[in-house]
Amino acid sequence: MIVALLWYYMKKPDINYDPCPESLMLGEKYPRYVICEVLRQIYHLSSDEGIRLRARIAMTMAKRMNSKLKEYKVIFDNTEWTKSTDAATREIDDITTGKL
């Protein structure tokens, strides 16, 4: 209930990100210092519910970004880039918008 009230008062921006489950913020620590670990630290160090909620939203965004990067890596690893920067940029745009 508190999260719903915070969400309402924060004037949720027009985005497609919901806070990740709290269990993800309590998850295991990783040996590398990565963005998700920093977000977990922010979550644990803060007593402000608004900051904790934003850390959970940022965790969702980080996980989605990681998934997209893995998806794009498969495409880019199988592509020979002998084109100019402009042509490569256009091709990346076509891939991300589904034109290719």
PDB file of N, CA and C in Angstrom:
ATOM      1  N   MET A   1       0.819  -1.197   0.000  1.00  0.00           N
ATOM      2  CA  MET A   1       0.000   0.000   0.000  1.00  0.00           C
ATOM      3  C   MET A   1       0.859   1.256   0.000  1.00  0.00           C
ATOM      4  N   ILE A   2       1.936   1.235   0.778  1.00  0.00           N
ATOM      5  CA  ILE A   2       2.824   2.394   0.845  1.00  0.00           C
ATOM      6  C   ILE A   2       3.436   2.673  -0.519  1.00  0.00           C
ATOM      7  N   VAL A   3       3.850   1.607  -1.209  1.00  0.00           N
ATOM      8  CA  VAL A   3       4.447   1.783  -2.535  1.00  0.00           C
ATOM      9  C   VAL A   3       3.451   2.417  -3.488  1.00  0.00           C
ATOM     10  N   ALA A   4       2.197   1.974  -3.439  1.00  0.00           N
ATOM     11  CA  ALA A   4       1.166   2.545  -4.317  1.00  0.00           C
ATOM     12  C   ALA A   4       0.963   4.026  -4.023  1.00  0.00           C
ATOM     13  N   LEU A   5       0.954   4.390  -2.746  1.00  0.00           N
ATOM     14  CA  LEU A   5       0.801   5.803  -2.387  1.00  0.00           C
ATOM     15  C   LEU A   5       1.995   6.626  -2.851  1.00  0.00           C
ATOM     16  N   LEU A   6       3.194   6.091  -2.636  1.00  0.00           N
ATOM     17  CA  LEU A   6       4.393   6.802  -3.104  1.00  0.00           C
ATOM     18  C   LEU A   6       4.345   6.986  -4.610  1.00  0.00           C
ATOM     19  N   TRP A   7       3.947   5.933  -5.310  1.00  0.00           N
ATOM     20  CA  TRP A   7       3.866   5.971  -6.771  1.00  0.00           C
ATOM     21  C   TRP A   7       2.899   7.066  -7.210  1.00  0.00           C
ATOM     22  N   TYR A   8       1.777   7.166  -6.528  1.00  0.00           N
ATOM     23  CA  TYR A   8       0.784   8.190  -6.849  1.00  0.00           C
ATOM     24  C   TYR A   8       1.342   9.583  -6.587  1.00  0.00           C
ATOM     25  N   TYR A   9       1.961   9.791  -5.449  1.00  0.00           N
ATOM     26  CA  TYR A   9       2.461  11.118  -5.106  1.00  0.00           C
ATOM     27  C   TYR A   9       3.696  11.509  -5.886  1.00  0.00           C
ATOM     28  N   MET A  10       4.418  10.527  -6.394  1.00  0.00           N
ATOM     29  CA  MET A  10       5.599  10.839  -7.206  1.00  0.00           C
ATOM     30  C   MET A  10       5.195  11.282  -8.598  1.00  0.00           C
ATOM     31  N   LYS A  11       3.907  11.197  -8.922  1.00  0.00           N
ATOM     32  CA  LYS A  11       3.429  11.550 -10.265  1.00  0.00           C
ATOM     33  C   LYS A  11       4.190  10.720 -11.294  1.00  0.00           C
ATOM     34  N   LYS A  12       3.921   9.429 -11.278  1.00  0.00           N
ATOM     35  CA  LYS A  12       4.618   8.494 -12.150  1.00  0.00           C
ATOM     36  C   LYS A  12       4.742   9.048 -13.559  1.00  0.00           C
ATOM     37  N   PRO A  13       5.976   9.159 -14.047  1.00  0.00           N
ATOM     38  CA  PRO A  13       6.158   9.636 -15.422  1.00  0.00           C
ATOM     39  C   PRO A  13       5.622   8.614 -16.413  1.00  0.00           C
ATOM     40  N   ASP A  14       5.442   9.048 -17.630  1.00  0.00           N
ATOM     41  CA  ASP A  14       4.900   8.187 -18.674  1.00  0.00           C
ATOM     42  C   ASP A  14       5.995   7.260 -19.182  1.00  0.00           C
ATOM     43  N   ILE A  15       6.305   6.257 -18.396  1.00  0.00           N
ATOM     44  CA  ILE A  15       7.331   5.280 -18.759  1.00  0.00           C
ATOM     45  C   ILE A  15       6.771   3.886 -18.544  1.00  0.00           C
ATOM     46  N   ASN A  16       7.458   2.907 -19.059  1.00  0.00           N
ATOM     47  CA  ASN A  16       7.004   1.522 -18.956  1.00  0.00           C
ATOM     48  C   ASN A  16       7.838   0.729 -17.966  1.00  0.00           C
ATOM     49  N   TYR A  17       8.238   1.341 -16.887  1.00  0.00           N
ATOM     50  CA  TYR A  17       9.059   0.662 -15.897  1.00  0.00           C
ATOM     51  C   TYR A  17       8.326   0.601 -14.574  1.00  0.00           C
ATOM     52  N   ASP A  18       8.172  -0.591 -14.066  1.00  0.00           N
ATOM     53  CA  ASP A  18       7.633  -0.778 -12.732  1.00  0.00           C
ATOM     54  C   ASP A  18       8.798  -1.108 -11.814  1.00  0.00           C
ATOM     55  N   PRO A  19       8.641  -0.859 -10.536  1.00  0.00           N
ATOM     56  CA  PRO A  19       9.721  -1.226  -9.617  1.00  0.00           C
ATOM     57  C   PRO A  19       9.945  -2.739  -9.650  1.00  0.00           C
ATOM     58  N   CYS A  20      11.196  -3.150  -9.554  1.00  0.00           N
ATOM     59  CA  CYS A  20      11.491  -4.579  -9.500  1.00  0.00           C
ATOM     60  C   CYS A  20      11.006  -5.135  -8.162  1.00  0.00           C
ATOM     61  N   PRO A  21      10.871  -6.427  -8.049  1.00  0.00           N
ATOM     62  CA  PRO A  21      10.478  -6.996  -6.763  1.00  0.00           C
ATOM     63  C   PRO A  21      11.538  -6.691  -5.701  1.00  0.00           C
ATOM     64  N   GLU A  22      11.105  -6.482  -4.484  1.00  0.00           N
ATOM     65  CA  GLU A  22      12.058  -6.183  -3.407  1.00  0.00           C
ATOM     66  C   GLU A  22      13.049  -7.328  -3.210  1.00  0.00           C
ATOM     67  N   SER A  23      12.633  -8.541  -3.524  1.00  0.00           N
ATOM     68  CA  SER A  23      13.532  -9.686  -3.367  1.00  0.00           C
ATOM     69  C   SER A  23      14.783  -9.543  -4.228  1.00  0.00           C
ATOM     70  N   LEU A  24      14.672  -8.857  -5.364  1.00  0.00           N
ATOM     71  CA  LEU A  24      15.829  -8.630  -6.229  1.00  0.00           C
ATOM     72  C   LEU A  24      16.815  -7.677  -5.565  1.00  0.00           C
ATOM     73  N   MET A  25      16.301  -6.758  -4.765  1.00  0.00           N
ATOM     74  CA  MET A  25      17.177  -5.818  -4.061  1.00  0.00           C
ATOM     75  C   MET A  25      17.878  -6.502  -2.882  1.00  0.00           C
ATOM     76  N   LEU A  26      17.319  -7.592  -2.422  1.00  0.00           N
ATOM     77  CA  LEU A  26      17.902  -8.329  -1.298  1.00  0.00           C
ATOM     78  C   LEU A  26      18.760  -9.484  -1.783  1.00  0.00           C
ATOM     79  N   GLY A  27      18.908  -9.576  -3.098  1.00  0.00           N
ATOM     80  CA  GLY A  27      19.602 -10.708  -3.719  1.00  0.00           C
ATOM     81  C   GLY A  27      21.069 -10.799  -3.363  1.00  0.00           C
ATOM     82  N   GLU A  28      21.678 -11.801  -3.942  1.00  0.00           N
ATOM     83  CA  GLU A  28      23.076 -12.071  -3.650  1.00  0.00           C
ATOM     84  C   GLU A  28      23.988 -10.970  -4.179  1.00  0.00           C
ATOM     85  N   LYS A  29      25.129 -10.834  -3.542  1.00  0.00           N
ATOM     86  CA  LYS A  29      26.109  -9.846  -3.980  1.00  0.00           C
ATOM     87  C   LYS A  29      27.018 -10.498  -5.017  1.00  0.00           C
ATOM     88  N   TYR A  30      27.490  -9.697  -5.939  1.00  0.00           N
ATOM     89  CA  TYR A  30      28.343 -10.194  -7.004  1.00  0.00           C
ATOM     90  C   TYR A  30      29.770  -9.728  -6.766  1.00  0.00           C
ATOM     91  N   PRO A  31      30.739 -10.519  -7.219  1.00  0.00           N
ATOM     92  CA  PRO A  31      32.140 -10.142  -6.983  1.00  0.00           C
ATOM     93  C   PRO A  31      32.567  -8.881  -7.737  1.00  0.00           C
ATOM     94  N   ARG A  32      31.893  -8.601  -8.846  1.00  0.00           N
ATOM     95  CA  ARG A  32      32.234  -7.390  -9.608  1.00  0.00           C
ATOM     96  C   ARG A  32      31.357  -6.239  -9.139  1.00  0.00           C
ATOM     97  N   TYR A  33      31.894  -5.040  -9.188  1.00  0.00           N
ATOM     98  CA  TYR A  33      31.154  -3.850  -8.780  1.00  0.00           C
ATOM     99  C   TYR A  33      30.407  -3.335 -10.000  1.00  0.00           C
ATOM    100  N   VAL A  34      29.170  -3.760 -10.145  1.00  0.00           N
ATOM    101  CA  VAL A  34      28.360  -3.420 -11.309  1.00  0.00           C
ATOM    102  C   VAL A  34      27.197  -2.532 -10.885  1.00  0.00           C
ATOM    103  N   ILE A  35      26.478  -1.990 -11.869  1.00  0.00           N
ATOM    104  CA  ILE A  35      25.401  -1.036 -11.592  1.00  0.00           C
ATOM    105  C   ILE A  35      24.336  -1.617 -10.659  1.00  0.00           C
ATOM    106  N   CYS A  36      24.011  -2.883 -10.824  1.00  0.00           N
ATOM    107  CA  CYS A  36      22.983  -3.482  -9.961  1.00  0.00           C
ATOM    108  C   CYS A  36      23.442  -3.533  -8.507  1.00  0.00           C
ATOM    109  N   GLU A  37      24.714  -3.773  -8.303  1.00  0.00           N
ATOM    110  CA  GLU A  37      25.239  -3.789  -6.935  1.00  0.00           C
ATOM    111  C   GLU A  37      25.185  -2.394  -6.315  1.00  0.00           C
ATOM    112  N   VAL A  38      25.480  -1.372  -7.097  1.00  0.00           N
ATOM    113  CA  VAL A  38      25.389   0.012  -6.604  1.00  0.00           C
ATOM    114  C   VAL A  38      23.944   0.342  -6.247  1.00  0.00           C
ATOM    115  N   LEU A  39      23.006  -0.078  -7.080  1.00  0.00           N
ATOM    116  CA  LEU A  39      21.589   0.170  -6.793  1.00  0.00           C
ATOM    117  C   LEU A  39      21.147  -0.551  -5.522  1.00  0.00           C
ATOM    118  N   ARG A  40      21.667  -1.758  -5.310  1.00  0.00           N
ATOM    119  CA  ARG A  40      21.347  -2.465  -4.073  1.00  0.00           C
ATOM    120  C   ARG A  40      21.883  -1.702  -2.862  1.00  0.00           C
ATOM    121  N   GLN A  41      23.104  -1.180  -2.990  1.00  0.00           N
ATOM    122  CA  GLN A  41      23.689  -0.419  -1.887  1.00  0.00           C
ATOM    123  C   GLN A  41      22.870   0.829  -1.588  1.00  0.00           C
ATOM    124  N   ILE A  42      22.470   1.546  -2.624  1.00  0.00           N
ATOM    125  CA  ILE A  42      21.629   2.734  -2.438  1.00  0.00           C
ATOM    126  C   ILE A  42      20.339   2.340  -1.729  1.00  0.00           C
ATOM    127  N   TYR A  43      19.747   1.253  -2.166  1.00  0.00           N
ATOM    128  CA  TYR A  43      18.501   0.770  -1.574  1.00  0.00           C
ATOM    129  C   TYR A  43      18.689   0.488  -0.078  1.00  0.00           C
ATOM    130  N   HIS A  44      19.783  -0.186   0.272  1.00  0.00           N
ATOM    131  CA  HIS A  44      20.010  -0.563   1.668  1.00  0.00           C
ATOM    132  C   HIS A  44      20.459   0.602   2.537  1.00  0.00           C
ATOM    133  N   LEU A  45      21.161   1.558   1.964  1.00  0.00           N
ATOM    134  CA  LEU A  45      21.656   2.693   2.748  1.00  0.00           C
ATOM    135  C   LEU A  45      20.588   3.749   3.019  1.00  0.00           C
ATOM    136  N   SER A  46      19.543   3.748   2.218  1.00  0.00           N
ATOM    137  CA  SER A  46      18.528   4.789   2.339  1.00  0.00           C
ATOM    138  C   SER A  46      17.363   4.333   3.218  1.00  0.00           C
ATOM    139  N   SER A  47      16.874   5.270   4.005  1.00  0.00           N
ATOM    140  CA  SER A  47      15.655   5.001   4.767  1.00  0.00           C
ATOM    141  C   SER A  47      14.471   5.729   4.130  1.00  0.00           C
ATOM    142  N   ASP A  48      14.751   6.540   3.109  1.00  0.00           N
ATOM    143  CA  ASP A  48      13.725   7.288   2.388  1.00  0.00           C
ATOM    144  C   ASP A  48      13.030   6.359   1.396  1.00  0.00           C
ATOM    145  N   GLU A  49      11.725   6.169   1.567  1.00  0.00           N
ATOM    146  CA  GLU A  49      10.977   5.249   0.702  1.00  0.00           C
ATOM    147  C   GLU A  49      10.988   5.695  -0.767  1.00  0.00           C
ATOM    148  N   GLY A  50      11.019   6.995  -1.028  1.00  0.00           N
ATOM    149  CA  GLY A  50      11.059   7.489  -2.403  1.00  0.00           C
ATOM    150  C   GLY A  50      12.352   7.096  -3.097  1.00  0.00           C
ATOM    151  N   ILE A  51      13.464   7.198  -2.388  1.00  0.00           N
ATOM    152  CA  ILE A  51      14.759   6.814  -2.954  1.00  0.00           C
ATOM    153  C   ILE A  51      14.814   5.309  -3.159  1.00  0.00           C
ATOM    154  N   ARG A  52      14.293   4.561  -2.196  1.00  0.00           N
ATOM    155  CA  ARG A  52      14.285   3.103  -2.323  1.00  0.00           C
ATOM    156  C   ARG A  52      13.434   2.678  -3.530  1.00  0.00           C
ATOM    157  N   LEU A  53      12.299   3.334  -3.721  1.00  0.00           N
ATOM    158  CA  LEU A  53      11.441   3.023  -4.860  1.00  0.00           C
ATOM    159  C   LEU A  53      12.153   3.350  -6.175  1.00  0.00           C
ATOM    160  N   ARG A  54      12.823   4.485  -6.229  1.00  0.00           N
ATOM    161  CA  ARG A  54      13.556   4.857  -7.448  1.00  0.00           C
ATOM    162  C   ARG A  54      14.704   3.890  -7.726  1.00  0.00           C
ATOM    163  N   ALA A  55      15.345   3.389  -6.674  1.00  0.00           N
ATOM    164  CA  ALA A  55      16.410   2.393  -6.859  1.00  0.00           C
ATOM    165  C   ALA A  55      15.842   1.124  -7.473  1.00  0.00           C
ATOM    166  N   ARG A  56      14.646   0.728  -7.052  1.00  0.00           N
ATOM    167  CA  ARG A  56      13.995  -0.453  -7.625  1.00  0.00           C
ATOM    168  C   ARG A  56      13.617  -0.223  -9.080  1.00  0.00           C
ATOM    169  N   ILE A  57      13.157   0.978  -9.410  1.00  0.00           N
ATOM    170  CA  ILE A  57      12.835   1.303 -10.806  1.00  0.00           C
ATOM    171  C   ILE A  57      14.111   1.272 -11.644  1.00  0.00           C
ATOM    172  N   ALA A  58      15.190   1.856 -11.110  1.00  0.00           N
ATOM    173  CA  ALA A  58      16.475   1.858 -11.825  1.00  0.00           C
ATOM    174  C   ALA A  58      16.990   0.437 -12.019  1.00  0.00           C
ATOM    175  N   MET A  59      16.735  -0.445 -11.070  1.00  0.00           N
ATOM    176  CA  MET A  59      17.146  -1.848 -11.208  1.00  0.00           C
ATOM    177  C   MET A  59      16.398  -2.489 -12.376  1.00  0.00           C
ATOM    178  N   THR A  60      15.107  -2.221 -12.488  1.00  0.00           N
ATOM    179  CA  THR A  60      14.325  -2.736 -13.619  1.00  0.00           C
ATOM    180  C   THR A  60      14.911  -2.220 -14.928  1.00  0.00           C
ATOM    181  N   MET A  61      15.238  -0.938 -14.964  1.00  0.00           N
ATOM    182  CA  MET A  61      15.798  -0.346 -16.186  1.00  0.00           C
ATOM    183  C   MET A  61      17.147  -0.985 -16.521  1.00  0.00           C
ATOM    184  N   ALA A  62      17.985  -1.202 -15.514  1.00  0.00           N
ATOM    185  CA  ALA A  62      19.299  -1.808 -15.736  1.00  0.00           C
ATOM    186  C   ALA A  62      19.161  -3.233 -16.264  1.00  0.00           C
ATOM    187  N   LYS A  63      18.219  -3.989 -15.709  1.00  0.00           N
ATOM    188  CA  LYS A  63      18.018  -5.371 -16.167  1.00  0.00           C
ATOM    189  C   LYS A  63      17.515  -5.405 -17.616  1.00  0.00           C
ATOM    190  N   ARG A  64      16.609  -4.489 -17.957  1.00  0.00           N
ATOM    191  CA  ARG A  64      16.118  -4.427 -19.346  1.00  0.00           C
ATOM    192  C   ARG A  64      17.233  -4.024 -20.303  1.00  0.00           C
ATOM    193  N   MET A  65      18.063  -3.060 -19.878  1.00  0.00           N
ATOM    194  CA  MET A  65      19.176  -2.624 -20.726  1.00  0.00           C
ATOM    195  C   MET A  65      20.133  -3.784 -20.962  1.00  0.00           C
ATOM    196  N   ASN A  66      20.419  -4.545 -19.929  1.00  0.00           N
ATOM    197  CA  ASN A  66      21.307  -5.686 -20.060  1.00  0.00           C
ATOM    198  C   ASN A  66      20.736  -6.717 -21.039  1.00  0.00           C
ATOM    199  N   SER A  67      19.447  -6.966 -20.954  1.00  0.00           N
ATOM    200  CA  SER A  67      18.810  -7.913 -21.874  1.00  0.00           C
ATOM    201  C   SER A  67      18.912  -7.438 -23.318  1.00  0.00           C
ATOM    202  N   LYS A  68      18.663  -6.141 -23.536  1.00  0.00           N
ATOM    203  CA  LYS A  68      18.744  -5.593 -24.900  1.00  0.00           C
ATOM    204  C   LYS A  68      20.169  -5.658 -25.430  1.00  0.00           C
ATOM    205  N   LEU A  69      21.145  -5.350 -24.582  1.00  0.00           N
ATOM    206  CA  LEU A  69      22.543  -5.405 -25.023  1.00  0.00           C
ATOM    207  C   LEU A  69      22.933  -6.825 -25.423  1.00  0.00           C
ATOM    208  N   LYS A  70      22.459  -7.808 -24.683  1.00  0.00           N
ATOM    209  CA  LYS A  70      22.733  -9.206 -25.047  1.00  0.00           C
ATOM    210  C   LYS A  70      22.086  -9.544 -26.388  1.00  0.00           C
ATOM    211  N   GLU A  71      20.874  -9.050 -26.590  1.00  0.00           N
ATOM    212  CA  GLU A  71      20.157  -9.281 -27.854  1.00  0.00           C
ATOM    213  C   GLU A  71      20.914  -8.639 -29.020  1.00  0.00           C
ATOM    214  N   TYR A  72      21.343  -7.395 -28.834  1.00  0.00           N
ATOM    215  CA  TYR A  72      22.063  -6.692 -29.899  1.00  0.00           C
ATOM    216  C   TYR A  72      23.431  -7.299 -30.157  1.00  0.00           C
ATOM    217  N   LYS A  73      24.077  -7.829 -29.132  1.00  0.00           N
ATOM    218  CA  LYS A  73      25.408  -8.407 -29.288  1.00  0.00           C
ATOM    219  C   LYS A  73      25.379  -9.555 -30.295  1.00  0.00           C
ATOM    220  N   VAL A  74      24.357 -10.376 -30.232  1.00  0.00           N
ATOM    221  CA  VAL A  74      24.228 -11.492 -31.179  1.00  0.00           C
ATOM    222  C   VAL A  74      24.150 -10.955 -32.603  1.00  0.00           C
ATOM    223  N   ILE A  75      23.378  -9.908 -32.800  1.00  0.00           N
ATOM    224  CA  ILE A  75      23.226  -9.314 -34.133  1.00  0.00           C
ATOM    225  C   ILE A  75      24.545  -8.699 -34.592  1.00  0.00           C
ATOM    226  N   PHE A  76      25.178  -7.921 -33.716  1.00  0.00           N
ATOM    227  CA  PHE A  76      26.379  -7.202 -34.115  1.00  0.00           C
ATOM    228  C   PHE A  76      27.583  -8.122 -34.277  1.00  0.00           C
ATOM    229  N   ASP A  77      27.634  -9.199 -33.504  1.00  0.00           N
ATOM    230  CA  ASP A  77      28.747 -10.137 -33.641  1.00  0.00           C
ATOM    231  C   ASP A  77      28.705 -10.857 -34.987  1.00  0.00           C
ATOM    232  N   ASN A  78      27.523 -10.972 -35.574  1.00  0.00           N
ATOM    233  CA  ASN A  78      27.375 -11.649 -36.858  1.00  0.00           C
ATOM    234  C   ASN A  78      27.386 -10.679 -38.032  1.00  0.00           C
ATOM    235  N   THR A  79      27.739  -9.426 -37.788  1.00  0.00           N
ATOM    236  CA  THR A  79      27.742  -8.406 -38.827  1.00  0.00           C
ATOM    237  C   THR A  79      29.163  -7.915 -39.052  1.00  0.00           C
ATOM    238  N   GLU A  80      29.552  -7.847 -40.306  1.00  0.00           N
ATOM    239  CA  GLU A  80      30.869  -7.326 -40.642  1.00  0.00           C
ATOM    240  C   GLU A  80      30.717  -5.832 -40.897  1.00  0.00           C
ATOM    241  N   TRP A  81      31.366  -5.014 -40.060  1.00  0.00           N
ATOM    242  CA  TRP A  81      31.222  -3.562 -40.157  1.00  0.00           C
ATOM    243  C   TRP A  81      32.345  -2.978 -41.011  1.00  0.00           C
ATOM    244  N   THR A  82      32.074  -2.895 -42.317  1.00  0.00           N
ATOM    245  CA  THR A  82      33.036  -2.287 -43.231  1.00  0.00           C
ATOM    246  C   THR A  82      32.461  -0.989 -43.786  1.00  0.00           C
ATOM    247  N   LYS A  83      31.387  -0.509 -43.168  1.00  0.00           N
ATOM    248  CA  LYS A  83      30.687   0.665 -43.664  1.00  0.00           C
ATOM    249  C   LYS A  83      31.152   1.911 -42.923  1.00  0.00           C
ATOM    250  N   SER A  84      30.758   3.051 -43.452  1.00  0.00           N
ATOM    251  CA  SER A  84      31.061   4.301 -42.774  1.00  0.00           C
ATOM    252  C   SER A  84      30.246   4.393 -41.485  1.00  0.00           C
ATOM    253  N   THR A  85      30.625   5.312 -40.628  1.00  0.00           N
ATOM    254  CA  THR A  85      29.909   5.497 -39.364  1.00  0.00           C
ATOM    255  C   THR A  85      28.452   5.843 -39.605  1.00  0.00           C
ATOM    256  N   ASP A  86      28.167   6.700 -40.577  1.00  0.00           N
ATOM    257  CA  ASP A  86      26.784   7.081 -40.875  1.00  0.00           C
ATOM    258  C   ASP A  86      25.958   5.882 -41.330  1.00  0.00           C
ATOM    259  N   ALA A  87      26.538   5.060 -42.205  1.00  0.00           N
ATOM    260  CA  ALA A  87      25.822   3.887 -42.691  1.00  0.00           C
ATOM    261  C   ALA A  87      25.588   2.896 -41.546  1.00  0.00           C
ATOM    262  N   ALA A  88      26.574   2.733 -40.694  1.00  0.00           N
ATOM    263  CA  ALA A  88      26.427   1.825 -39.554  1.00  0.00           C
ATOM    264  C   ALA A  88      25.345   2.339 -38.609  1.00  0.00           C
ATOM    265  N   THR A  89      25.327   3.634 -38.376  1.00  0.00           N
ATOM    266  CA  THR A  89      24.309   4.233 -37.502  1.00  0.00           C
ATOM    267  C   THR A  89      22.917   4.014 -38.078  1.00  0.00           C
ATOM    268  N   ARG A  90      22.762   4.196 -39.383  1.00  0.00           N
ATOM    269  CA  ARG A  90      21.468   3.969 -40.028  1.00  0.00           C
ATOM    270  C   ARG A  90      21.045   2.510 -39.903  1.00  0.00           C
ATOM    271  N   GLU A  91      21.995   1.597 -40.063  1.00  0.00           N
ATOM    272  CA  GLU A  91      21.675   0.174 -39.960  1.00  0.00           C
ATOM    273  C   GLU A  91      21.270  -0.192 -38.523  1.00  0.00           C
ATOM    274  N   ILE A  92      21.951   0.364 -37.542  1.00  0.00           N
ATOM    275  CA  ILE A  92      21.585   0.131 -36.137  1.00  0.00           C
ATOM    276  C   ILE A  92      20.187   0.669 -35.877  1.00  0.00           C
ATOM    277  N   ASP A  93      19.891   1.846 -36.400  1.00  0.00           N
ATOM    278  CA  ASP A  93      18.543   2.413 -36.250  1.00  0.00           C
ATOM    279  C   ASP A  93      17.498   1.503 -36.879  1.00  0.00           C
ATOM    280  N   ASP A  94      17.813   0.954 -38.071  1.00  0.00           N
ATOM    281  CA  ASP A  94      16.867   0.052 -38.738  1.00  0.00           C
ATOM    282  C   ASP A  94      16.633  -1.208 -37.920  1.00  0.00           C
ATOM    283  N   ILE A  95      17.693  -1.731 -37.316  1.00  0.00           N
ATOM    284  CA  ILE A  95      17.570  -2.939 -36.498  1.00  0.00           C
ATOM    285  C   ILE A  95      16.708  -2.650 -35.264  1.00  0.00           C
ATOM    286  N   THR A  96      16.973  -1.545 -34.588  1.00  0.00           N
ATOM    287  CA  THR A  96      16.251  -1.238 -33.352  1.00  0.00           C
ATOM    288  C   THR A  96      14.802  -0.843 -33.590  1.00  0.00           C
ATOM    289  N   THR A  97      14.501  -0.314 -34.751  1.00  0.00           N
ATOM    290  CA  THR A  97      13.107   0.065 -35.033  1.00  0.00           C
ATOM    291  C   THR A  97      12.351  -1.042 -35.762  1.00  0.00           C
ATOM    292  N   GLY A  98      13.029  -2.145 -36.065  1.00  0.00           N
ATOM    293  CA  GLY A  98      12.362  -3.286 -36.694  1.00  0.00           C
ATOM    294  C   GLY A  98      12.223  -3.182 -38.186  1.00  0.00           C
ATOM    295  N   LYS A  99      12.934  -2.237 -38.815  1.00  0.00           N
ATOM    296  CA  LYS A  99      12.846  -2.091 -40.266  1.00  0.00           C
ATOM    297  C   LYS A  99      13.666  -3.147 -40.992  1.00  0.00           C
ATOM    298  N   LEU A 100      14.618  -3.729 -40.299  1.00  0.00           N
ATOM    299  CA  LEU A 100      15.482  -4.748 -40.912  1.00  0.00           C
ATOM    300  C   LEU A 100      15.026  -6.129 -40.541  1.00  0.00           C
TER     301      LEU A 100
END
